[in-house]
C-alpha atoms as a PDB file:
ATOM      1  CA  UNK A   1      78.689  77.480 111.065  1.00  0.00           C
ATOM      2  CA  UNK A   2      81.393  80.062 110.958  1.00  0.00           C
ATOM      3  CA  UNK A   3      83.541  80.674 113.941  1.00  0.00           C
ATOM      4  CA  UNK A   4      83.371  84.048 115.525  1.00  0.00           C
ATOM      5  CA  UNK A   5      86.001  86.636 114.882  1.00  0.00           C
ATOM      6  CA  UNK A   6      88.063  87.374 117.963  1.00  0.00           C
ATOM      7  CA  UNK A   7      88.986  90.962 118.914  1.00  0.00           C
ATOM      8  CA  UNK A   8      92.260  92.282 117.563  1.00  0.00           C
ATOM      9  CA  UNK A   9      94.683  92.929 120.385  1.00  0.00           C
ATOM     10  CA  UNK A  10      95.761  96.559 121.058  1.00  0.00           C
ATOM     11  CA  UNK A  11      99.390  97.476 120.689  1.00  0.00           C
ATOM     12  CA  UNK A  12     100.999  98.888 123.861  1.00  0.00           C
ATOM     13  CA  UNK A  13     104.392 100.075 124.899  1.00  0.00           C
ATOM     14  CA  UNK A  14     107.397  99.255 122.707  1.00  0.00           C
ATOM     15  CA  UNK A  15     105.334  97.307 120.229  1.00  0.00           C
ATOM     16  CA  UNK A  16     103.191 100.482 119.598  1.00  0.00           C
ATOM     17  CA  UNK A  17     106.246 102.532 119.290  1.00  0.00           C
ATOM     18  CA  UNK A  18     107.917 100.117 116.838  1.00  0.00           C
ATOM     19  CA  UNK A  19     104.728 100.095 114.737  1.00  0.00           C
ATOM     20  CA  UNK A  20     104.476 103.850 114.453  1.00  0.00           C
ATOM     21  CA  UNK A  21     108.304 104.081 113.639  1.00  0.00           C
ATOM     22  CA  UNK A  22     107.697 101.612 110.877  1.00  0.00           C
ATOM     23  CA  UNK A  23     104.693 103.423 109.517  1.00  0.00           C
ATOM     24  CA  UNK A  24     106.820 106.767 109.486  1.00  0.00           C
ATOM     25  CA  UNK A  25     109.537 105.238 107.272  1.00  0.00           C
ATOM     26  CA  UNK A  26     107.229 103.796 104.575  1.00  0.00           C
ATOM     27  CA  UNK A  27     107.510 105.703 101.393  1.00  0.00           C
ATOM     28  CA  UNK A  28     104.655 106.557  99.126  1.00  0.00           C
ATOM     29  CA  UNK A  29     104.572 104.904  95.727  1.00  0.00           C
ATOM     30  CA  UNK A  30     106.284 106.858  92.878  1.00  0.00           C
ATOM     31  CA  UNK A  31     104.143 108.208  89.942  1.00  0.00           C
ATOM     32  CA  UNK A  32     105.741 105.632  87.644  1.00  0.00           C
ATOM     33  CA  UNK A  33     104.864 102.671  90.054  1.00  0.00           C
ATOM     34  CA  UNK A  34     101.196 104.145  90.312  1.00  0.00           C
ATOM     35  CA  UNK A  35     100.762 104.077  86.660  1.00  0.00           C
ATOM     36  CA  UNK A  36     102.190 100.535  86.341  1.00  0.00           C
ATOM     37  CA  UNK A  37      99.781  99.294  88.982  1.00  0.00           C
ATOM     38  CA  UNK A  38      96.806 101.112  87.328  1.00  0.00           C
ATOM     39  CA  UNK A  39      97.744  99.656  83.967  1.00  0.00           C
ATOM     40  CA  UNK A  40      97.945  96.085  85.481  1.00  0.00           C
ATOM     41  CA  UNK A  41      94.614  96.578  87.271  1.00  0.00           C
ATOM     42  CA  UNK A  42      93.009  97.720  83.947  1.00  0.00           C
ATOM     43  CA  UNK A  43      94.209  94.481  82.304  1.00  0.00           C
ATOM     44  CA  UNK A  44      92.810  92.376  85.120  1.00  0.00           C
ATOM     45  CA  UNK A  45      89.493  94.093  84.892  1.00  0.00           C
ATOM     46  CA  UNK A  46      89.274  93.733  81.146  1.00  0.00           C
ATOM     47  CA  UNK A  47      89.638  89.896  81.669  1.00  0.00           C
ATOM     48  CA  UNK A  48      86.608  89.771  84.114  1.00  0.00           C
ATOM     49  CA  UNK A  49      83.485  88.530  82.499  1.00  0.00           C
ATOM     50  CA  UNK A  50      80.875  88.855  85.204  1.00  0.00           C
ATOM     51  CA  UNK A  51      78.694  91.808  85.842  1.00  0.00           C
ATOM     52  CA  UNK A  52      78.958  93.716  89.137  1.00  0.00           C
END
């Protein structure tokens, strides 16, 4: 039998501030990177042989 999933702890104080600061500085993927990722995903999808 599977073990129950425990609740995720809530970030508080300096941990929460550090988390939001890190999220603010993350940059979005460039158009070139998005095209490369989509092309790679299309290749992987073409290799799948099972029906959804």
